[in-house]
Each structure stands twice: as C-alpha cells, then as structure tokens.
Amino acid sequence: MVAIEVSMLSGFIMTSRSRMLLENRTIVKKIEVKANVVYIYLEKLNDESQTFTLQLEQVIQVKNLKPASIKIYDYYQPEERALAEYSAVCS
C-alpha cells in the first residue's frame, strides 16, 4: 500500500468535490482528513504515471503564505519516500 500525505496550505481546506473525485478513482483505497493534512491511501503503484488533483478552498486569508509539503511513501516501508512542496497558484 502507498500513502500520500498532503499538508494543507495555511487557511485552506480540500473541497468536498475534490474528495469525491479522488474516491471515485479505482486506485484510491481510502482518504482521511485530519487537522490540516489529507491522507490518500493507494492499493499500489506501478511504473505507470499517475496524476492526482486536489481542489483547495481558501477559508481564512493568510499573508506571506508559505509552501506546504507532499510526502509519498510505502506504507509498510516508510523509509522509501519522496518529498515535494507546492504553493498556491495565486501567490
């Protein structure tokens, strides 16, 4: 199983539509939202490229918005991971 941890940008939440679209993908096993992190669990990955799009909604205006992180890792071997950052389109 593969886990993707998406930290939310300060003042943002994932939209319910975005969650619904993710849940409809056959590769997605489970989605959890805890505090300011979205956890997406996948059955497995292969060498085929996958793209996941999360739509976020700004609920609180934050100045000097800093990038947030995305971590993807093997659930059973978390030392095998990749990290990335993302920023708001409007910043």
N, C-alpha and C. Protein backbone atom coordinates (compact mmCIF):
# COMPACT_ATOMS: atom_id res chain seq x y z
N MET A 1 0.85 -1.17 0.00
CA MET A 1 0.00 0.00 0.00
C MET A 1 0.90 1.24 0.00
N VAL A 2 0.44 2.27 -0.66
CA VAL A 2 1.16 3.53 -0.78
C VAL A 2 0.36 4.62 -0.08
N ALA A 3 1.04 5.48 0.66
CA ALA A 3 0.37 6.60 1.34
C ALA A 3 0.89 7.92 0.78
N ILE A 4 -0.03 8.84 0.61
CA ILE A 4 0.32 10.20 0.18
C ILE A 4 -0.19 11.14 1.27
N GLU A 5 0.70 11.94 1.84
CA GLU A 5 0.33 12.93 2.85
C GLU A 5 0.43 14.31 2.22
N VAL A 6 -0.69 15.00 2.16
CA VAL A 6 -0.72 16.34 1.59
C VAL A 6 -1.02 17.33 2.72
N SER A 7 -0.03 18.09 3.12
CA SER A 7 -0.24 19.13 4.12
C SER A 7 -0.97 20.29 3.44
N MET A 8 -2.00 20.79 4.09
CA MET A 8 -2.75 21.90 3.53
C MET A 8 -2.00 23.22 3.71
N LEU A 9 -2.13 24.07 2.73
CA LEU A 9 -1.62 25.43 2.86
C LEU A 9 -2.38 26.10 4.00
N SER A 10 -1.74 26.98 4.74
CA SER A 10 -2.40 27.68 5.85
C SER A 10 -3.63 28.41 5.34
N GLY A 11 -4.76 28.17 6.01
CA GLY A 11 -6.01 28.84 5.64
C GLY A 11 -6.81 28.14 4.56
N PHE A 12 -6.35 26.97 4.09
CA PHE A 12 -7.03 26.25 3.02
C PHE A 12 -7.57 24.91 3.51
N ILE A 13 -8.63 24.42 2.85
CA ILE A 13 -9.16 23.08 3.06
C ILE A 13 -9.39 22.44 1.70
N MET A 14 -9.46 21.11 1.68
CA MET A 14 -9.78 20.40 0.45
C MET A 14 -11.29 20.46 0.25
N THR A 15 -11.73 20.70 -0.98
CA THR A 15 -13.16 20.78 -1.26
C THR A 15 -13.79 19.38 -1.23
N SER A 16 -15.08 19.33 -0.94
CA SER A 16 -15.79 18.05 -0.93
C SER A 16 -15.83 17.44 -2.34
N ARG A 17 -15.90 18.28 -3.35
CA ARG A 17 -15.90 17.80 -4.75
C ARG A 17 -14.58 17.10 -5.06
N SER A 18 -13.49 17.68 -4.58
CA SER A 18 -12.18 17.09 -4.80
C SER A 18 -12.09 15.71 -4.15
N ARG A 19 -12.62 15.61 -2.94
CA ARG A 19 -12.61 14.33 -2.23
C ARG A 19 -13.42 13.29 -3.00
N MET A 20 -14.60 13.70 -3.49
CA MET A 20 -15.45 12.80 -4.25
C MET A 20 -14.74 12.29 -5.51
N LEU A 21 -14.07 13.19 -6.22
CA LEU A 21 -13.36 12.79 -7.43
C LEU A 21 -12.23 11.81 -7.12
N LEU A 22 -11.53 12.02 -6.02
CA LEU A 22 -10.47 11.09 -5.63
C LEU A 22 -11.04 9.73 -5.25
N GLU A 23 -12.14 9.72 -4.49
CA GLU A 23 -12.73 8.47 -4.04
C GLU A 23 -13.25 7.63 -5.21
N ASN A 24 -13.57 8.26 -6.33
CA ASN A 24 -14.07 7.54 -7.49
C ASN A 24 -12.96 6.89 -8.31
N ARG A 25 -11.71 7.16 -7.99
CA ARG A 25 -10.61 6.53 -8.71
C ARG A 25 -10.37 5.14 -8.14
N THR A 26 -10.27 4.15 -9.01
CA THR A 26 -10.14 2.77 -8.56
C THR A 26 -8.85 2.52 -7.78
N ILE A 27 -7.82 3.26 -8.05
CA ILE A 27 -6.54 3.07 -7.37
C ILE A 27 -6.59 3.56 -5.92
N VAL A 28 -7.52 4.47 -5.59
CA VAL A 28 -7.62 5.04 -4.25
C VAL A 28 -8.40 4.10 -3.34
N LYS A 29 -7.74 3.67 -2.27
CA LYS A 29 -8.35 2.74 -1.33
C LYS A 29 -9.10 3.49 -0.22
N LYS A 30 -8.52 4.61 0.26
CA LYS A 30 -9.10 5.31 1.40
C LYS A 30 -8.57 6.74 1.44
N ILE A 31 -9.40 7.66 1.95
CA ILE A 31 -8.99 9.05 2.15
C ILE A 31 -9.33 9.44 3.58
N GLU A 32 -8.38 10.06 4.26
CA GLU A 32 -8.61 10.57 5.61
C GLU A 32 -8.21 12.04 5.64
N VAL A 33 -8.98 12.84 6.36
CA VAL A 33 -8.63 14.23 6.56
C VAL A 33 -8.49 14.43 8.07
N LYS A 34 -7.28 14.79 8.50
CA LYS A 34 -7.01 15.02 9.92
C LYS A 34 -6.34 16.37 10.06
N ALA A 35 -6.94 17.23 10.87
CA ALA A 35 -6.40 18.58 11.10
C ALA A 35 -6.11 19.25 9.77
N ASN A 36 -4.85 19.49 9.46
CA ASN A 36 -4.50 20.19 8.22
C ASN A 36 -3.75 19.28 7.25
N VAL A 37 -4.01 17.97 7.31
CA VAL A 37 -3.35 17.01 6.42
C VAL A 37 -4.39 16.09 5.79
N VAL A 38 -4.24 15.86 4.49
CA VAL A 38 -5.08 14.89 3.77
C VAL A 38 -4.22 13.66 3.51
N TYR A 39 -4.70 12.50 3.92
CA TYR A 39 -4.01 11.23 3.69
C TYR A 39 -4.76 10.48 2.61
N ILE A 40 -4.05 10.10 1.57
CA ILE A 40 -4.63 9.34 0.46
C ILE A 40 -3.90 8.00 0.41
N TYR A 41 -4.64 6.92 0.55
CA TYR A 41 -4.05 5.58 0.54
C TYR A 41 -4.38 4.91 -0.79
N LEU A 42 -3.34 4.36 -1.41
CA LEU A 42 -3.49 3.70 -2.71
C LEU A 42 -3.21 2.22 -2.55
N GLU A 43 -3.90 1.42 -3.35
CA GLU A 43 -3.65 -0.03 -3.35
C GLU A 43 -2.18 -0.33 -3.62
N LYS A 44 -1.68 0.24 -4.71
CA LYS A 44 -0.29 0.05 -5.10
C LYS A 44 0.02 1.00 -6.25
N LEU A 45 1.28 1.14 -6.53
CA LEU A 45 1.73 1.91 -7.69
C LEU A 45 2.56 1.00 -8.58
N ASN A 46 2.54 1.30 -9.85
CA ASN A 46 3.42 0.60 -10.78
C ASN A 46 4.21 1.66 -11.55
N ASP A 47 4.80 1.29 -12.65
CA ASP A 47 5.61 2.26 -13.39
C ASP A 47 4.76 3.19 -14.28
N GLU A 48 3.45 3.04 -14.23
CA GLU A 48 2.55 3.91 -14.98
C GLU A 48 2.38 5.23 -14.22
N SER A 49 2.48 6.34 -14.94
CA SER A 49 2.35 7.65 -14.33
C SER A 49 0.93 7.89 -13.82
N GLN A 50 0.81 8.49 -12.64
CA GLN A 50 -0.48 8.82 -12.05
C GLN A 50 -0.48 10.31 -11.71
N THR A 51 -1.61 10.97 -11.92
CA THR A 51 -1.77 12.38 -11.57
C THR A 51 -2.97 12.51 -10.65
N PHE A 52 -2.77 13.23 -9.55
CA PHE A 52 -3.85 13.48 -8.60
C PHE A 52 -4.01 14.99 -8.47
N THR A 53 -5.24 15.46 -8.59
CA THR A 53 -5.52 16.88 -8.49
C THR A 53 -6.42 17.11 -7.29
N LEU A 54 -5.98 17.97 -6.39
CA LEU A 54 -6.79 18.35 -5.24
C LEU A 54 -7.22 19.80 -5.41
N GLN A 55 -8.50 20.04 -5.29
CA GLN A 55 -9.00 21.41 -5.33
C GLN A 55 -9.10 21.89 -3.89
N LEU A 56 -8.48 23.04 -3.63
CA LEU A 56 -8.48 23.61 -2.30
C LEU A 56 -9.32 24.87 -2.28
N GLU A 57 -9.90 25.14 -1.13
CA GLU A 57 -10.71 26.33 -0.94
C GLU A 57 -10.11 27.14 0.20
N GLN A 58 -9.92 28.43 -0.05
CA GLN A 58 -9.37 29.29 0.99
C GLN A 58 -10.49 29.71 1.94
N VAL A 59 -10.33 29.39 3.22
CA VAL A 59 -11.35 29.72 4.21
C VAL A 59 -10.89 30.83 5.16
N ILE A 60 -9.58 31.06 5.21
CA ILE A 60 -9.00 32.12 6.03
C ILE A 60 -7.89 32.77 5.21
N GLN A 61 -7.91 34.09 5.15
CA GLN A 61 -6.86 34.80 4.41
C GLN A 61 -5.59 34.82 5.26
N VAL A 62 -4.47 34.39 4.67
CA VAL A 62 -3.19 34.34 5.35
C VAL A 62 -2.17 35.12 4.53
N LYS A 63 -1.47 36.03 5.18
CA LYS A 63 -0.42 36.79 4.50
C LYS A 63 0.88 36.00 4.52
N ASN A 64 1.73 36.26 3.53
CA ASN A 64 3.03 35.60 3.43
C ASN A 64 2.90 34.07 3.49
N LEU A 65 2.02 33.56 2.65
CA LEU A 65 1.74 32.13 2.60
C LEU A 65 2.98 31.34 2.23
N LYS A 66 3.32 30.37 3.05
CA LYS A 66 4.50 29.52 2.81
C LYS A 66 4.08 28.25 2.07
N PRO A 67 5.01 27.65 1.33
CA PRO A 67 4.69 26.39 0.65
C PRO A 67 4.32 25.28 1.65
N ALA A 68 3.56 24.32 1.20
CA ALA A 68 3.20 23.16 2.01
C ALA A 68 3.86 21.93 1.39
N SER A 69 3.87 20.83 2.14
CA SER A 69 4.59 19.64 1.68
C SER A 69 3.66 18.52 1.24
N ILE A 70 4.21 17.69 0.38
CA ILE A 70 3.56 16.45 -0.06
C ILE A 70 4.58 15.35 0.13
N LYS A 71 4.16 14.29 0.80
CA LYS A 71 5.05 13.15 1.03
C LYS A 71 4.36 11.91 0.50
N ILE A 72 5.07 11.10 -0.25
CA ILE A 72 4.54 9.82 -0.73
C ILE A 72 5.50 8.74 -0.28
N TYR A 73 4.94 7.65 0.26
CA TYR A 73 5.80 6.60 0.79
C TYR A 73 5.08 5.25 0.80
N ASP A 74 5.90 4.20 0.87
CA ASP A 74 5.39 2.85 1.02
C ASP A 74 4.91 2.72 2.46
N TYR A 75 3.65 2.39 2.65
CA TYR A 75 3.05 2.33 3.99
C TYR A 75 3.80 1.37 4.90
N TYR A 76 4.29 0.26 4.35
CA TYR A 76 4.96 -0.75 5.15
C TYR A 76 6.47 -0.53 5.24
N GLN A 77 7.01 0.32 4.40
CA GLN A 77 8.43 0.67 4.44
C GLN A 77 8.55 2.19 4.27
N PRO A 78 8.19 2.96 5.30
CA PRO A 78 8.12 4.43 5.16
C PRO A 78 9.45 5.11 4.85
N GLU A 79 10.55 4.39 5.00
CA GLU A 79 11.84 5.00 4.65
C GLU A 79 11.98 5.17 3.13
N GLU A 80 11.17 4.45 2.37
CA GLU A 80 11.14 4.61 0.91
C GLU A 80 10.10 5.68 0.60
N ARG A 81 10.56 6.91 0.39
CA ARG A 81 9.63 8.03 0.23
C ARG A 81 10.17 9.09 -0.70
N ALA A 82 9.28 9.96 -1.10
CA ALA A 82 9.64 11.13 -1.91
C ALA A 82 8.92 12.32 -1.30
N LEU A 83 9.57 13.48 -1.33
CA LEU A 83 9.02 14.71 -0.77
C LEU A 83 8.97 15.78 -1.84
N ALA A 84 7.97 16.63 -1.74
CA ALA A 84 7.84 17.77 -2.66
C ALA A 84 7.11 18.88 -1.92
N GLU A 85 7.18 20.08 -2.46
CA GLU A 85 6.45 21.23 -1.92
C GLU A 85 5.56 21.80 -3.00
N TYR A 86 4.50 22.48 -2.58
CA TYR A 86 3.64 23.17 -3.53
C TYR A 86 3.22 24.51 -2.92
N SER A 87 2.82 25.41 -3.79
CA SER A 87 2.38 26.74 -3.37
C SER A 87 1.03 27.04 -4.00
N ALA A 88 0.35 28.04 -3.46
CA ALA A 88 -0.92 28.46 -4.01
C ALA A 88 -0.69 29.09 -5.38
N VAL A 89 -1.59 28.84 -6.30
CA VAL A 89 -1.50 29.40 -7.65
C VAL A 89 -1.52 30.92 -7.61
N CYS A 90 -2.32 31.45 -6.69
CA CYS A 90 -2.49 32.91 -6.62
C CYS A 90 -1.35 33.61 -5.91
N SER A 91 -0.39 32.89 -5.33
CA SER A 91 0.69 33.56 -4.59
C SER A 91 1.89 33.85 -5.46
